[in-house]
């Protein structure tokens, strides 16, 4: 069964575009959440906190970016399996999945504590 390793075709280009789009959306959402909660006081500092500064809201803002990225990684791995079964160029999608999984871990470990108020 040929794996077409090293051959660049439309499957690889589509995988690169997919990974870039999902990464921009996930990181963009995290940046928007950081802007929305940037002027919130630290927990316990102010009694007059708005709704967007409440801890559950901040945790939700912080978690959505990594969830988007993780969902994109799972989608890329599913696409990898389908292309592999169809004997098409699958390796670009596997690379996209690992890239998105790595970005998910980075965003979760760096962004989540800062947005949730622990950093």
Protein backbone atom coordinates (compact mmCIF):
# COMPACT_ATOMS: atom_id res chain seq x y z
CA UNK A 1 0.00 0.00 0.00
CA UNK A 2 1.71 3.27 -1.08
CA UNK A 3 1.87 6.03 1.50
CA UNK A 4 2.91 8.81 -0.91
CA UNK A 5 5.44 10.01 1.66
CA UNK A 6 7.20 13.14 0.46
CA UNK A 7 4.63 13.90 -2.21
CA UNK A 8 2.87 17.23 -1.79
CA UNK A 9 -0.60 17.41 -3.23
CA UNK A 10 -4.00 18.95 -2.52
CA UNK A 11 -4.48 16.83 0.62
CA UNK A 12 -1.34 18.32 2.17
CA UNK A 13 -2.25 21.88 1.17
CA UNK A 14 -5.72 21.42 2.63
CA UNK A 15 -4.24 20.07 5.86
CA UNK A 16 -1.93 23.07 6.20
CA UNK A 17 -4.79 25.50 5.59
CA UNK A 18 -6.98 23.63 8.08
CA UNK A 19 -4.30 23.68 10.79
CA UNK A 20 -3.60 27.37 10.24
CA UNK A 21 -7.28 28.29 10.33
CA UNK A 22 -8.01 26.29 13.50
CA UNK A 23 -4.89 27.70 15.20
CA UNK A 24 -5.86 31.28 14.32
CA UNK A 25 -9.42 30.75 15.58
CA UNK A 26 -8.31 29.09 18.84
CA UNK A 27 -5.55 31.57 19.62
CA UNK A 28 -7.74 34.46 18.47
CA UNK A 29 -10.46 33.43 20.88
CA UNK A 30 -7.90 33.23 23.67
CA UNK A 31 -6.62 36.71 22.81
CA UNK A 32 -10.17 38.10 22.77
CA UNK A 33 -10.83 36.50 26.15
CA UNK A 34 -7.64 38.04 27.51
CA UNK A 35 -8.75 41.47 26.29
CA UNK A 36 -12.20 41.04 27.84
CA UNK A 37 -10.85 39.98 31.22
CA UNK A 38 -7.68 42.07 31.20
CA UNK A 39 -9.00 44.79 33.48
CA UNK A 40 -10.58 42.40 35.99
CA UNK A 41 -9.22 42.60 39.53
CA UNK A 42 -7.57 39.59 41.08
CA UNK A 43 -9.91 37.31 43.03
CA UNK A 44 -10.70 38.81 46.44
CA UNK A 45 -9.49 42.35 45.62
CA UNK A 46 -12.77 43.98 44.71
CA UNK A 47 -16.34 43.42 45.76
CA UNK A 48 -17.60 45.29 42.69
CA UNK A 49 -16.65 42.77 40.00
CA UNK A 50 -18.70 42.65 36.84
CA UNK A 51 -20.19 39.43 35.53
CA UNK A 52 -17.37 38.91 33.03
CA UNK A 53 -14.89 38.99 35.91
CA UNK A 54 -16.58 36.19 37.87
CA UNK A 55 -14.41 33.10 38.23
CA UNK A 56 -16.75 30.71 36.33
CA UNK A 57 -16.93 33.13 33.40
CA UNK A 58 -13.16 33.59 33.35
CA UNK A 59 -12.66 29.81 33.43
CA UNK A 60 -15.09 29.42 30.54
CA UNK A 61 -13.25 32.12 28.55
CA UNK A 62 -9.94 30.38 29.30
CA UNK A 63 -11.16 26.90 28.36
CA UNK A 64 -12.84 27.63 25.03
CA UNK A 65 -9.61 28.32 23.12
CA UNK A 66 -7.99 24.99 24.06
CA UNK A 67 -11.27 23.16 23.41
CA UNK A 68 -11.41 24.62 19.88
CA UNK A 69 -7.81 23.60 19.25
CA UNK A 70 -8.30 20.10 20.68
CA UNK A 71 -11.42 19.59 18.58
CA UNK A 72 -9.43 20.64 15.52
CA UNK A 73 -6.68 18.15 16.40
CA UNK A 74 -9.19 15.33 16.76
CA UNK A 75 -10.74 16.32 13.43
CA UNK A 76 -7.33 16.20 11.76
CA UNK A 77 -6.60 12.74 13.18
CA UNK A 78 -9.98 11.47 11.99
CA UNK A 79 -9.20 12.84 8.53
CA UNK A 80 -5.78 11.14 8.69
CA UNK A 81 -7.39 7.77 9.31
CA UNK A 82 -9.93 8.22 6.51
CA UNK A 83 -7.26 9.21 3.99
CA UNK A 84 -5.02 6.33 5.09
CA UNK A 85 -7.91 3.89 4.56
CA UNK A 86 -8.53 5.37 1.11
CA UNK A 87 -4.79 5.02 0.31
CA UNK A 88 -4.35 8.74 -0.28
CA UNK A 89 -1.78 11.18 1.10
CA UNK A 90 -2.46 11.04 4.84
CA UNK A 91 0.77 12.35 6.39
CA UNK A 92 -0.09 16.04 6.02
CA UNK A 93 -3.21 15.59 8.12
CA UNK A 94 -1.30 13.67 10.77
CA UNK A 95 1.18 16.53 10.97
CA UNK A 96 -1.70 19.00 11.26
CA UNK A 97 -3.16 16.95 14.11
CA UNK A 98 0.10 16.84 16.05
CA UNK A 99 0.67 20.57 15.45
CA UNK A 100 -2.80 21.42 16.77
CA UNK A 101 -2.37 19.09 19.75
CA UNK A 102 0.92 20.79 20.62
CA UNK A 103 -0.65 24.25 20.31
CA UNK A 104 -3.53 23.03 22.49
CA UNK A 105 -1.13 22.03 25.25
CA UNK A 106 0.80 25.29 25.02
CA UNK A 107 -2.34 27.43 25.09
CA UNK A 108 -3.80 25.43 27.98
CA UNK A 109 -0.66 25.56 30.12
CA UNK A 110 0.19 29.20 29.45
CA UNK A 111 -3.15 30.90 28.88
CA UNK A 112 -5.54 29.09 31.18
CA UNK A 113 -3.89 30.00 34.51
CA UNK A 114 -3.49 33.63 33.45
CA UNK A 115 -7.09 34.04 32.35
CA UNK A 116 -8.50 32.11 35.28
CA UNK A 117 -6.79 34.50 37.69
CA UNK A 118 -4.17 32.15 39.05
CA UNK A 119 -1.21 33.80 37.33
